[in-house]
Amino acid sequence: MGLFDKLANMLKMKKEQINILVVGLNNSGKSTIVNHFKNPNERTSIVVPTVGFSVERFEICLLIPDQGVFFTAFDMSGATRYRSLWEHHFKSCQGIVFVIDSSDRMRLVVVKDELEILLQHPDIANRRVPILFFANKMDCTDALSSVKIAAGLGLEKIKDKPWHISSSNALTGEGLQDGVQWMVHQIRECVANSKEHR
């Protein structure tokens, strides 16, 4: 069962559209993580870097006829010239997955800059959009721990949005499930809170 299947089963939504934005610097493992989100029979054996962005859509049919969950994952390129494209999807996203190469110590300051730009954007700044950070490539010998990455990025300063950091290995899928479970919980809370305030 793919991660999106599990997400659908946990959310138990009817014909709901869930938009997830997947961002991070180039070579952080975004496309490999998105590949794990797919159903096993739809996964590709060779993952190539994203140019611009790619859109992955899934419909997961539940046991009851005419019920299903629709997912759209926007896998955004992390190359410098394409990062400006991220903001075009801020308004429609319900959750953000920010992938970090935990072995790329030199560019952690660049990650911090891009995160601050994202958090200050008008389409994100005033919304409680849950942000899931994957500290990816945790299997590398020189990888920073998720605690050190959180400290390096100043994540403790994010007070107005739910956030979570999870160590991961996109190649094996290790750590991805924990992150998805957290995101499910947050999306549930956001949906429930929005209904209460209507």
C-alpha atoms as a PDB file:
ATOM      1  CA  MET A   1       0.000   0.000   0.000  1.00  0.00           C
ATOM      2  CA  GLY A   2       1.457   3.381  -1.041  1.00  0.00           C
ATOM      3  CA  LEU A   3       1.797   6.315   1.332  1.00  0.00           C
ATOM      4  CA  PHE A   4      -1.062   8.159  -0.362  1.00  0.00           C
ATOM      5  CA  ASP A   5      -3.246   5.058   0.094  1.00  0.00           C
ATOM      6  CA  LYS A   6      -2.489   5.127   3.812  1.00  0.00           C
ATOM      7  CA  LEU A   7      -3.100   8.879   3.915  1.00  0.00           C
ATOM      8  CA  ALA A   8      -6.484   8.342   2.267  1.00  0.00           C
ATOM      9  CA  ASN A   9      -7.460   5.585   4.686  1.00  0.00           C
ATOM     10  CA  MET A  10      -6.518   7.722   7.675  1.00  0.00           C
ATOM     11  CA  LEU A  11      -8.282  10.856   6.417  1.00  0.00           C
ATOM     12  CA  LYS A  12     -11.460   9.001   5.404  1.00  0.00           C
ATOM     13  CA  MET A  13     -12.597  11.915   3.245  1.00  0.00           C
ATOM     14  CA  LYS A  14     -15.196  11.751   0.474  1.00  0.00           C
ATOM     15  CA  LYS A  15     -14.166  13.208  -2.860  1.00  0.00           C
ATOM     16  CA  GLU A  16     -11.779  15.573  -1.108  1.00  0.00           C
ATOM     17  CA  GLN A  17      -8.946  17.232  -3.005  1.00  0.00           C
ATOM     18  CA  ILE A  18      -5.717  17.396  -1.034  1.00  0.00           C
ATOM     19  CA  ASN A  19      -2.944  19.560  -2.463  1.00  0.00           C
ATOM     20  CA  ILE A  20       0.549  18.970  -1.116  1.00  0.00           C
ATOM     21  CA  LEU A  21       3.488  21.137  -2.178  1.00  0.00           C
ATOM     22  CA  VAL A  22       6.868  19.376  -2.150  1.00  0.00           C
ATOM     23  CA  VAL A  23       9.792  21.819  -2.048  1.00  0.00           C
ATOM     24  CA  GLY A  24      13.483  21.851  -1.187  1.00  0.00           C
ATOM     25  CA  LEU A  25      16.831  22.520  -2.820  1.00  0.00           C
ATOM     26  CA  ASN A  26      17.908  20.500  -5.841  1.00  0.00           C
ATOM     27  CA  ASN A  27      19.263  17.016  -5.082  1.00  0.00           C
ATOM     28  CA  SER A  28      17.525  16.836  -1.690  1.00  0.00           C
ATOM     29  CA  GLY A  29      15.402  13.809  -2.636  1.00  0.00           C
ATOM     30  CA  LYS A  30      12.013  15.392  -3.363  1.00  0.00           C
ATOM     31  CA  SER A  31      11.200  13.325  -6.453  1.00  0.00           C
ATOM     32  CA  THR A  32      12.322  10.116  -4.744  1.00  0.00           C
ATOM     33  CA  ILE A  33      10.003  10.850  -1.830  1.00  0.00           C
ATOM     34  CA  VAL A  34       7.113  11.612  -4.207  1.00  0.00           C
ATOM     35  CA  ASN A  35       7.885   8.304  -5.939  1.00  0.00           C
ATOM     36  CA  HIS A  36       7.308   6.566  -2.587  1.00  0.00           C
ATOM     37  CA  PHE A  37       3.953   8.321  -2.260  1.00  0.00           C
ATOM     38  CA  LYS A  38       2.719   6.521  -5.372  1.00  0.00           C
ATOM     39  CA  ASN A  39       1.040   3.159  -5.439  1.00  0.00           C
ATOM     40  CA  PRO A  40       3.685   0.420  -5.787  1.00  0.00           C
ATOM     41  CA  ASN A  41       2.674  -0.418  -9.368  1.00  0.00           C
ATOM     42  CA  GLU A  42       3.069   3.252 -10.414  1.00  0.00           C
ATOM     43  CA  ARG A  43       6.546   3.807  -8.995  1.00  0.00           C
ATOM     44  CA  THR A  44       9.481   4.339 -11.335  1.00  0.00           C
ATOM     45  CA  SER A  45      12.725   2.444 -10.882  1.00  0.00           C
ATOM     46  CA  ILE A  46      14.872   5.409 -11.963  1.00  0.00           C
ATOM     47  CA  VAL A  47      14.073   8.863 -10.574  1.00  0.00           C
ATOM     48  CA  VAL A  48      15.389  11.815 -12.571  1.00  0.00           C
ATOM     49  CA  PRO A  49      15.728  15.398 -11.275  1.00  0.00           C
ATOM     50  CA  THR A  50      12.677  17.586 -11.774  1.00  0.00           C
ATOM     51  CA  VAL A  51      12.984  20.439 -14.270  1.00  0.00           C
ATOM     52  CA  GLY A  52      10.539  23.227 -13.411  1.00  0.00           C
ATOM     53  CA  PHE A  53       7.911  21.149 -11.625  1.00  0.00           C
ATOM     54  CA  SER A  54       5.965  17.959 -12.050  1.00  0.00           C
ATOM     55  CA  VAL A  55       2.432  17.224 -10.946  1.00  0.00           C
ATOM     56  CA  GLU A  56       1.498  13.809  -9.607  1.00  0.00           C
ATOM     57  CA  ARG A  57      -2.212  13.120  -9.227  1.00  0.00           C
ATOM     58  CA  PHE A  58      -3.745  10.100  -7.555  1.00  0.00           C
ATOM     59  CA  GLU A  59      -7.262   8.889  -7.027  1.00  0.00           C
ATOM     60  CA  ILE A  60      -7.584   6.348  -4.284  1.00  0.00           C
ATOM     61  CA  CYS A  61     -10.889   4.521  -4.397  1.00  0.00           C
ATOM     62  CA  LEU A  62     -12.204   3.441  -1.026  1.00  0.00           C
ATOM     63  CA  LEU A  63     -14.236   0.338  -0.256  1.00  0.00           C
ATOM     64  CA  ILE A  64     -17.602   2.070  -0.688  1.00  0.00           C
ATOM     65  CA  PRO A  65     -18.495   2.809  -4.362  1.00  0.00           C
ATOM     66  CA  ASP A  66     -18.341   6.438  -5.532  1.00  0.00           C
ATOM     67  CA  GLN A  67     -16.087   7.404  -2.649  1.00  0.00           C
ATOM     68  CA  GLY A  68     -12.484   8.365  -3.133  1.00  0.00           C
ATOM     69  CA  VAL A  69      -9.713  10.768  -2.244  1.00  0.00           C
ATOM     70  CA  PHE A  70      -7.891  12.831  -4.829  1.00  0.00           C
ATOM     71  CA  PHE A  71      -4.318  13.883  -4.185  1.00  0.00           C
ATOM     72  CA  THR A  72      -2.215  16.341  -6.110  1.00  0.00           C
ATOM     73  CA  ALA A  73       1.485  16.544  -5.276  1.00  0.00           C
ATOM     74  CA  PHE A  74       3.392  19.437  -6.818  1.00  0.00           C
ATOM     75  CA  ASP A  75       7.031  18.356  -6.971  1.00  0.00           C
ATOM     76  CA  MET A  76       8.922  21.619  -7.409  1.00  0.00           C
ATOM     77  CA  SER A  77      12.456  21.846  -8.767  1.00  0.00           C
ATOM     78  CA  GLY A  78      14.979  23.096  -6.242  1.00  0.00           C
ATOM     79  CA  ALA A  79      17.401  24.525  -8.793  1.00  0.00           C
ATOM     80  CA  THR A  80      18.035  28.237  -8.213  1.00  0.00           C
ATOM     81  CA  ARG A  81      16.344  29.451 -11.395  1.00  0.00           C
ATOM     82  CA  TYR A  82      13.141  27.503 -10.654  1.00  0.00           C
ATOM     83  CA  ARG A  83      12.608  28.361  -6.976  1.00  0.00           C
ATOM     84  CA  SER A  84      10.509  31.389  -7.907  1.00  0.00           C
ATOM     85  CA  LEU A  85       7.904  28.924  -9.245  1.00  0.00           C
ATOM     86  CA  TRP A  86       7.171  27.644  -5.747  1.00  0.00           C
ATOM     87  CA  GLU A  87       5.043  30.666  -4.842  1.00  0.00           C
ATOM     88  CA  HIS A  88       2.574  30.007  -7.672  1.00  0.00           C
ATOM     89  CA  HIS A  89       1.269  27.020  -5.683  1.00  0.00           C
ATOM     90  CA  PHE A  90       1.267  28.490  -2.171  1.00  0.00           C
ATOM     91  CA  LYS A  91      -2.344  29.646  -2.273  1.00  0.00           C
ATOM     92  CA  SER A  92      -3.801  26.263  -3.223  1.00  0.00           C
ATOM     93  CA  CYS A  93      -1.677  23.997  -1.019  1.00  0.00           C
ATOM     94  CA  GLN A  94      -3.051  22.483   2.174  1.00  0.00           C
ATOM     95  CA  GLY A  95       0.275  21.170   3.384  1.00  0.00           C
ATOM     96  CA  ILE A  96       3.954  21.686   2.580  1.00  0.00           C
ATOM     97  CA  VAL A  97       6.631  19.016   2.534  1.00  0.00           C
ATOM     98  CA  PHE A  98      10.062  20.668   2.748  1.00  0.00           C
ATOM     99  CA  VAL A  99      12.823  18.190   1.923  1.00  0.00           C
ATOM    100  CA  ILE A 100      16.346  18.854   3.210  1.00  0.00           C
ATOM    101  CA  ASP A 101      19.538  17.005   2.296  1.00  0.00           C
ATOM    102  CA  SER A 102      20.861  16.428   5.815  1.00  0.00           C
ATOM    103  CA  SER A 103      24.336  15.649   4.437  1.00  0.00           C
ATOM    104  CA  ASP A 104      24.597  18.991   2.592  1.00  0.00           C
ATOM    105  CA  ARG A 105      25.935  21.108   5.444  1.00  0.00           C
ATOM    106  CA  MET A 106      27.266  23.826   3.133  1.00  0.00           C
ATOM    107  CA  ARG A 107      23.816  24.741   1.800  1.00  0.00           C
ATOM    108  CA  LEU A 108      21.911  24.718   5.094  1.00  0.00           C
ATOM    109  CA  VAL A 109      22.098  28.516   5.106  1.00  0.00           C
ATOM    110  CA  VAL A 110      20.489  28.537   1.626  1.00  0.00           C
ATOM    111  CA  VAL A 111      17.717  26.262   2.939  1.00  0.00           C
ATOM    112  CA  LYS A 112      17.161  28.718   5.800  1.00  0.00           C
ATOM    113  CA  ASP A 113      16.922  31.649   3.375  1.00  0.00           C
ATOM    114  CA  GLU A 114      14.414  29.830   1.147  1.00  0.00           C
ATOM    115  CA  LEU A 115      12.346  28.808   4.172  1.00  0.00           C
ATOM    116  CA  GLU A 116      12.189  32.413   5.395  1.00  0.00           C
ATOM    117  CA  ILE A 117      11.071  33.594   1.939  1.00  0.00           C
ATOM    118  CA  LEU A 118       8.369  30.916   1.963  1.00  0.00           C
ATOM    119  CA  LEU A 119       7.146  31.797   5.470  1.00  0.00           C
ATOM    120  CA  GLN A 120       6.961  35.519   4.654  1.00  0.00           C
ATOM    121  CA  HIS A 121       5.007  35.069   1.431  1.00  0.00           C
ATOM    122  CA  PRO A 122       1.494  36.610   1.711  1.00  0.00           C
ATOM    123  CA  ASP A 123      -0.173  33.360   0.607  1.00  0.00           C
ATOM    124  CA  ILE A 124       1.517  31.471   3.469  1.00  0.00           C
ATOM    125  CA  ALA A 125       2.183  34.042   6.195  1.00  0.00           C
ATOM    126  CA  ASN A 126      -1.414  34.361   7.411  1.00  0.00           C
ATOM    127  CA  ARG A 127      -2.441  30.716   7.106  1.00  0.00           C
ATOM    128  CA  ARG A 128      -1.942  27.748   9.422  1.00  0.00           C
ATOM    129  CA  VAL A 129      -0.454  25.558   6.710  1.00  0.00           C
ATOM    130  CA  PRO A 130       1.236  22.506   8.242  1.00  0.00           C
ATOM    131  CA  ILE A 131       4.884  22.133   7.212  1.00  0.00           C
ATOM    132  CA  LEU A 132       6.539  18.742   7.293  1.00  0.00           C
ATOM    133  CA  PHE A 133      10.326  18.791   7.108  1.00  0.00           C
ATOM    134  CA  PHE A 134      12.078  15.646   5.938  1.00  0.00           C
ATOM    135  CA  ALA A 135      15.730  15.581   7.057  1.00  0.00           C
ATOM    136  CA  ASN A 136      16.549  13.294   4.163  1.00  0.00           C
ATOM    137  CA  LYS A 137      19.617  11.141   3.437  1.00  0.00           C
ATOM    138  CA  MET A 138      19.937  10.265   7.110  1.00  0.00           C
ATOM    139  CA  ASP A 139      21.912   7.184   6.047  1.00  0.00           C
ATOM    140  CA  CYS A 140      24.897   9.306   4.941  1.00  0.00           C
ATOM    141  CA  THR A 141      27.813   9.222   7.360  1.00  0.00           C
ATOM    142  CA  ASP A 142      28.127  13.022   7.467  1.00  0.00           C
ATOM    143  CA  ALA A 143      24.386  13.660   7.874  1.00  0.00           C
ATOM    144  CA  LEU A 144      23.259  16.167  10.478  1.00  0.00           C
ATOM    145  CA  SER A 145      20.644  14.987  12.954  1.00  0.00           C
ATOM    146  CA  SER A 146      17.126  16.351  12.653  1.00  0.00           C
ATOM    147  CA  VAL A 147      17.689  18.175  15.957  1.00  0.00           C
ATOM    148  CA  LYS A 148      20.749  19.996  14.567  1.00  0.00           C
ATOM    149  CA  ILE A 149      18.916  20.835  11.337  1.00  0.00           C
ATOM    150  CA  ALA A 150      15.937  22.206  13.287  1.00  0.00           C
ATOM    151  CA  ALA A 151      18.319  24.359  15.342  1.00  0.00           C
ATOM    152  CA  GLY A 152      20.253  25.481  12.254  1.00  0.00           C
ATOM    153  CA  LEU A 153      17.047  26.557  10.517  1.00  0.00           C
ATOM    154  CA  GLY A 154      15.600  28.196  13.619  1.00  0.00           C
ATOM    155  CA  LEU A 155      12.413  26.140  13.408  1.00  0.00           C
ATOM    156  CA  GLU A 156      11.576  26.908  17.034  1.00  0.00           C
ATOM    157  CA  LYS A 157      10.747  30.458  15.874  1.00  0.00           C
ATOM    158  CA  ILE A 158       7.808  29.194  13.805  1.00  0.00           C
ATOM    159  CA  LYS A 159       4.950  29.840  16.253  1.00  0.00           C
ATOM    160  CA  ASP A 160       1.942  30.349  13.965  1.00  0.00           C
ATOM    161  CA  LYS A 161       2.122  27.117  11.941  1.00  0.00           C
ATOM    162  CA  PRO A 162       2.254  23.476  12.922  1.00  0.00           C
ATOM    163  CA  TRP A 163       5.574  21.966  11.891  1.00  0.00           C
ATOM    164  CA  HIS A 164       7.378  18.684  12.347  1.00  0.00           C
ATOM    165  CA  ILE A 165      10.797  17.394  11.340  1.00  0.00           C
ATOM    166  CA  SER A 166      11.343  13.734  10.548  1.00  0.00           C
ATOM    167  CA  SER A 167      14.607  12.004   9.653  1.00  0.00           C
ATOM    168  CA  SER A 168      14.190  10.061   6.424  1.00  0.00           C
ATOM    169  CA  ASN A 169      15.817   7.913   3.800  1.00  0.00           C
ATOM    170  CA  ALA A 170      13.907   8.378   0.540  1.00  0.00           C
ATOM    171  CA  LEU A 171      15.600   5.364  -1.061  1.00  0.00           C
ATOM    172  CA  THR A 172      14.320   2.907   1.544  1.00  0.00           C
ATOM    173  CA  GLY A 173      11.258   4.852   2.656  1.00  0.00           C
ATOM    174  CA  GLU A 174      12.488   4.927   6.252  1.00  0.00           C
ATOM    175  CA  GLY A 175      10.968   7.785   8.253  1.00  0.00           C
ATOM    176  CA  LEU A 176       8.402   8.731   5.602  1.00  0.00           C
ATOM    177  CA  GLN A 177       5.472   7.046   7.329  1.00  0.00           C
ATOM    178  CA  ASP A 178       5.979   8.990  10.577  1.00  0.00           C
ATOM    179  CA  GLY A 179       5.928  12.240   8.665  1.00  0.00           C
ATOM    180  CA  VAL A 180       2.788  11.293   6.728  1.00  0.00           C
ATOM    181  CA  GLN A 181       0.973  10.346   9.927  1.00  0.00           C
ATOM    182  CA  TRP A 182       1.787  13.748  11.404  1.00  0.00           C
ATOM    183  CA  MET A 183       0.566  15.507   8.248  1.00  0.00           C
ATOM    184  CA  VAL A 184      -2.703  13.522   8.352  1.00  0.00           C
ATOM    185  CA  HIS A 185      -3.338  14.670  11.911  1.00  0.00           C
ATOM    186  CA  GLN A 186      -2.646  18.301  11.030  1.00  0.00           C
ATOM    187  CA  ILE A 187      -4.857  18.310   7.927  1.00  0.00           C
ATOM    188  CA  ARG A 188      -7.654  16.777  10.007  1.00  0.00           C
ATOM    189  CA  GLU A 189      -7.309  19.539  12.580  1.00  0.00           C
ATOM    190  CA  CYS A 190      -7.224  22.275   9.932  1.00  0.00           C
ATOM    191  CA  VAL A 191     -10.359  20.900   8.233  1.00  0.00           C
ATOM    192  CA  ALA A 192     -12.169  20.579  11.593  1.00  0.00           C
ATOM    193  CA  ASN A 193     -11.186  24.105  12.681  1.00  0.00           C
ATOM    194  CA  SER A 194     -12.276  25.656   9.378  1.00  0.00           C
ATOM    195  CA  LYS A 195     -15.705  23.994   9.715  1.00  0.00           C
ATOM    196  CA  GLU A 196     -16.097  25.311  13.268  1.00  0.00           C
ATOM    197  CA  HIS A 197     -15.437  28.893  12.168  1.00  0.00           C
ATOM    198  CA  ARG A 198     -17.935  28.885   9.305  1.00  0.00           C
END
